[in-house]
Protein backbone atom coordinates (compact mmCIF):
# COMPACT_ATOMS: atom_id res chain seq x y z
CA MET A 1 129.44 -111.62 212.71
CA LYS A 2 130.73 -108.13 212.01
CA LYS A 3 133.18 -109.47 209.44
CA PHE A 4 130.38 -111.47 207.81
CA VAL A 5 128.15 -108.37 207.47
CA ILE A 6 131.02 -106.32 206.00
CA ALA A 7 131.82 -109.11 203.53
CA ALA A 8 128.15 -109.43 202.52
CA VAL A 9 127.81 -105.68 201.94
CA ALA A 10 131.01 -105.60 199.93
CA ALA A 11 129.86 -108.55 197.79
CA ALA A 12 126.50 -106.92 197.16
CA ALA A 13 128.17 -103.66 196.17
CA LEU A 14 130.56 -105.47 193.85
CA THR A 15 127.72 -107.45 192.25
CA THR A 16 125.71 -104.26 191.70
CA THR A 17 128.72 -102.52 190.16
CA LEU A 18 129.44 -105.45 187.82
CA SER A 19 125.78 -105.71 186.86
CA ALA A 20 125.58 -101.98 186.11
CA GLU A 21 128.77 -102.15 184.09
CA THR A 22 127.41 -105.11 182.13
CA CYS A 23 124.15 -103.28 181.42
CA ALA A 24 126.07 -100.27 180.16
CA THR A 25 128.55 -102.17 178.02
CA SER A 26 126.71 -105.23 176.68
CA PHE A 27 124.98 -103.16 173.96
CA SER A 28 128.06 -101.05 173.13
CA GLY A 29 129.74 -101.44 169.74
CA PHE A 30 129.01 -101.74 166.03
CA TYR A 31 126.09 -103.83 164.81
CA ALA A 32 124.20 -104.70 161.61
CA GLY A 33 121.16 -106.73 160.69
CA LEU A 34 118.06 -107.49 158.65
CA GLN A 35 114.48 -106.38 159.28
CA ALA A 36 111.05 -107.14 157.85
CA GLY A 37 107.45 -106.36 158.64
CA MET A 38 104.31 -104.54 157.55
CA ASN A 39 103.96 -100.96 156.36
CA THR A 40 100.60 -99.17 156.42
CA ALA A 41 100.33 -96.01 154.32
CA ILE A 42 97.44 -93.74 155.29
CA GLY A 43 96.80 -90.35 153.75
CA LYS A 44 94.46 -87.95 152.05
CA VAL A 45 94.25 -86.34 148.63
CA LYS A 46 92.73 -82.96 147.80
CA ASP A 47 91.39 -82.55 144.29
CA ASP A 48 90.65 -79.06 142.90
CA GLU A 49 89.39 -79.71 139.38
CA GLY A 50 87.44 -76.99 137.59
CA ASN A 51 84.60 -76.11 139.95
CA THR A 52 84.81 -79.41 141.78
CA ARG A 53 86.66 -79.67 145.09
CA TYR A 54 86.73 -82.72 147.32
CA LYS A 55 88.92 -84.70 149.71
CA GLN A 56 89.46 -88.42 149.88
CA ILE A 57 91.09 -90.62 152.53
CA PHE A 58 93.04 -93.67 151.37
CA GLY A 59 95.11 -96.45 152.85
CA SER A 60 97.20 -99.43 151.84
CA GLN A 61 99.23 -102.20 153.50
CA SER A 62 102.37 -103.82 152.11
CA PHE A 63 105.25 -106.05 153.16
CA ILE A 64 108.52 -104.25 153.86
CA GLY A 65 112.06 -105.52 154.27
CA GLY A 66 115.46 -103.95 154.66
CA LEU A 67 118.86 -103.57 156.29
CA PHE A 68 120.17 -101.58 159.27
CA ALA A 69 123.58 -100.80 160.76
CA GLY A 70 124.85 -98.56 163.52
CA TYR A 71 127.00 -97.92 166.54
CA GLY A 72 126.07 -97.32 170.16
CA MET A 73 127.63 -97.11 173.61
CA GLY A 74 126.59 -97.25 177.21
CA VAL A 75 126.43 -94.01 179.19
CA GLY A 76 126.59 -94.26 182.98
CA SER A 77 125.11 -97.39 184.48
CA CYS A 78 122.12 -98.17 182.23
CA ALA A 79 121.70 -95.41 179.60
CA TYR A 80 122.54 -95.90 175.93
CA VAL A 81 123.11 -93.53 173.00
CA GLY A 82 123.87 -94.40 169.40
CA GLY A 83 123.33 -93.70 165.73
CA GLU A 84 121.83 -95.88 163.01
CA VAL A 85 121.27 -95.87 159.25
CA TYR A 86 118.77 -98.09 157.41
CA GLY A 87 117.16 -98.80 154.09
CA ASN A 88 113.79 -100.42 153.36
CA PHE A 89 112.22 -101.89 150.24
CA ALA A 90 108.44 -102.01 149.94
CA ASP A 91 105.60 -102.07 147.42
CA ASN A 92 103.44 -99.09 148.31
CA ASN A 93 101.26 -98.99 145.21
CA ILE A 94 98.11 -97.11 146.23
CA LYS A 95 95.17 -96.57 143.89
CA VAL A 96 93.71 -93.38 145.32
CA MET A 97 90.96 -92.86 142.73
CA ASP A 98 89.44 -95.38 140.32
CA LYS A 99 86.70 -93.81 138.20
CA ASP A 100 85.24 -94.39 134.74
CA THR A 101 86.97 -91.28 133.39
CA HIS A 102 90.25 -91.24 135.30
CA THR A 103 92.46 -93.01 137.84
CA LEU A 104 95.05 -91.68 140.27
CA ALA A 105 97.74 -93.88 141.83
CA ILE A 106 100.64 -93.11 144.18
CA LYS A 107 103.68 -95.39 144.38
CA ASN A 108 106.75 -95.73 146.60
CA ASN A 109 109.30 -98.56 146.63
CA THR A 110 112.23 -97.49 148.81
CA ASN A 111 113.10 -95.31 151.77
CA PHE A 112 116.40 -94.56 153.49
CA GLY A 113 116.85 -93.09 156.94
CA ALA A 114 119.22 -92.12 159.72
CA LYS A 115 118.42 -91.69 163.40
CA VAL A 116 119.76 -91.13 166.87
CA ARG A 117 118.84 -93.89 169.31
CA LEU A 118 118.38 -93.22 173.02
CA GLY A 119 117.98 -96.31 175.15
CA TYR A 120 117.67 -97.69 178.64
CA THR A 121 119.02 -101.15 179.46
CA VAL A 122 116.56 -102.92 181.73
CA SER A 123 118.99 -105.86 182.01
CA PRO A 124 122.29 -106.93 180.42
CA GLN A 125 120.22 -108.68 177.73
CA ALA A 126 117.31 -106.26 177.12
CA MET A 127 116.97 -102.61 176.16
CA ILE A 128 114.09 -100.28 175.30
CA PHE A 129 114.86 -97.40 172.94
CA LEU A 130 113.53 -94.27 171.27
CA GLY A 131 114.62 -93.32 167.76
CA LEU A 132 114.69 -89.73 166.47
CA GLY A 133 115.45 -89.59 162.77
CA ALA A 134 114.78 -88.40 159.24
CA GLU A 135 113.77 -90.50 156.26
CA TYR A 136 114.29 -89.95 152.52
CA SER A 137 111.87 -91.41 149.99
CA LYS A 138 110.53 -90.90 146.47
CA TRP A 139 106.82 -90.94 145.67
CA THR A 140 105.42 -91.11 142.14
CA ALA A 141 101.88 -89.95 141.34
CA LYS A 142 100.28 -91.11 138.07
CA TYR A 143 97.02 -89.72 136.70
CA ASP A 144 95.46 -91.59 133.74
CA ILE A 145 92.59 -90.32 131.61
CA ILE A 146 90.46 -93.24 130.41
CA GLY A 147 88.87 -93.29 126.93
CA GLY A 148 86.41 -90.69 125.68
CA VAL A 149 87.01 -87.62 123.55
CA ARG A 150 89.66 -85.32 124.96
CA ALA A 151 90.02 -81.60 124.41
CA ALA A 152 93.07 -80.25 122.57
CA GLY A 153 96.21 -80.10 124.72
CA VAL A 154 95.01 -82.80 127.12
CA ASP A 155 97.44 -85.65 127.79
CA ALA A 156 96.35 -89.23 128.33
CA GLN A 157 98.67 -89.58 131.31
CA TYR A 158 100.31 -87.25 133.84
CA LYS A 159 103.18 -88.43 136.00
CA LYS A 160 105.27 -86.75 138.66
CA THR A 161 107.96 -87.97 141.08
CA VAL A 162 108.76 -86.06 144.26
CA ALA A 163 111.65 -86.76 146.66
CA SER A 164 111.29 -85.62 150.25
CA PHE A 165 112.76 -85.83 153.75
CA VAL A 166 110.30 -86.48 156.58
CA PHE A 167 110.50 -86.85 160.35
CA ALA A 168 110.41 -90.53 161.35
CA PRO A 169 110.36 -91.20 165.13
CA SER A 170 110.36 -94.77 166.41
CA VAL A 171 110.15 -96.83 169.58
CA GLY A 172 111.21 -100.40 170.19
CA MET A 173 112.93 -103.08 172.23
CA GLU A 174 116.04 -105.21 171.68
CA MET A 175 117.00 -108.46 173.36
CA PHE A 176 120.16 -110.56 173.07
CA MET A 177 119.62 -114.25 172.27
CA THR A 178 123.34 -115.03 172.51
CA LYS A 179 126.39 -112.91 173.35
CA ASN A 180 126.35 -111.29 169.87
CA ILE A 181 123.01 -112.09 168.25
CA PHE A 182 119.95 -109.99 169.11
CA VAL A 183 116.34 -109.60 168.02
CA ARG A 184 114.30 -106.40 167.99
CA GLY A 185 110.77 -105.16 167.50
CA GLU A 186 110.22 -101.57 166.36
CA TYR A 187 107.36 -99.23 165.46
CA THR A 188 108.13 -96.27 163.16
CA TYR A 189 105.88 -93.36 162.18
CA ALA A 190 107.06 -91.57 159.01
CA ILE A 191 105.18 -88.27 158.84
CA GLY A 192 103.92 -86.40 155.81
CA SER A 193 105.32 -87.38 152.39
CA LYS A 194 103.69 -84.94 149.94
CA VAL A 195 103.07 -84.92 146.19
CA LYS A 196 101.46 -82.08 144.20
CA MET A 197 100.53 -82.48 140.53
CA GLU A 198 98.82 -80.23 137.94
CA VAL A 199 96.57 -82.03 135.43
CA LYS A 200 93.79 -81.44 132.88
CA ASP A 201 90.65 -83.56 132.64
CA ARG A 202 89.07 -84.79 129.38
CA ALA A 203 87.22 -81.51 128.93
CA GLY A 204 90.44 -79.54 129.33
CA ASP A 205 89.63 -78.18 132.81
CA GLU A 206 92.77 -77.72 134.88
CA GLY A 207 93.05 -79.45 138.22
CA THR A 208 95.49 -79.88 141.12
CA PHE A 209 96.01 -83.03 143.13
CA LYS A 210 97.70 -82.73 146.53
CA SER A 211 98.44 -85.89 148.49
CA ASN A 212 99.84 -86.26 152.00
CA VAL A 213 100.92 -89.76 153.11
CA ASN A 214 101.83 -90.96 156.61
CA GLN A 215 103.38 -94.39 157.16
CA HIS A 216 102.87 -96.66 160.17
CA ARG A 217 105.52 -99.38 160.16
CA PHE A 218 106.09 -102.36 162.43
CA THR A 219 109.25 -104.42 161.83
CA LEU A 220 111.05 -107.34 163.45
CA GLY A 221 114.82 -107.43 163.14
CA LEU A 222 117.67 -109.88 163.56
CA GLY A 223 121.09 -108.36 164.22
CA TYR A 224 124.69 -109.12 165.09
CA LYS A 225 126.87 -107.00 167.41
CA PHE A 226 130.54 -107.03 166.47
């Protein structure tokens, strides 16, 4: 009986050790994949034009798709740390203002990012993770004056492109479908892309548009661990 108890305890300890090692190592290594989902851009624009000042909230949804690649390793029994780079392609074409005398649109097509991933393996096949990263993107604002008689020195169109880096935290979960193929779901919040543009209206009054755009992004990914 005593030998049986000792053998059972030893087997349990060995199983726990192997399981912990598997949790720590099953996600370790290089990986790459594809991702796609929906991107929601929500922001506000401030318009100071002549003696008129007002704010407007806007929003837009678009499909987004891209690539990701990275490296990670297990730390201890179940912790995970890694780094990842990614690029996304979207069609954020937001008409902020649409009036009889003028329109204002903001556009963004691509973004590129890098992040540190901190994870916890809940099993050898599943992991939850937090991403802490920065994202680079270009936003183009276009202001069009429509018809009518314009004062001297007033352009029919004003256009400005601004590149910026923003903080982009994320949270998600990965799960292996086979030994090397995994799926993931991830939510990313890209905070505060800004564009400022000086314009003149049809009467020649100078104005300033300031926009601030936040992006809420949910993507599903399919990856391969090498």
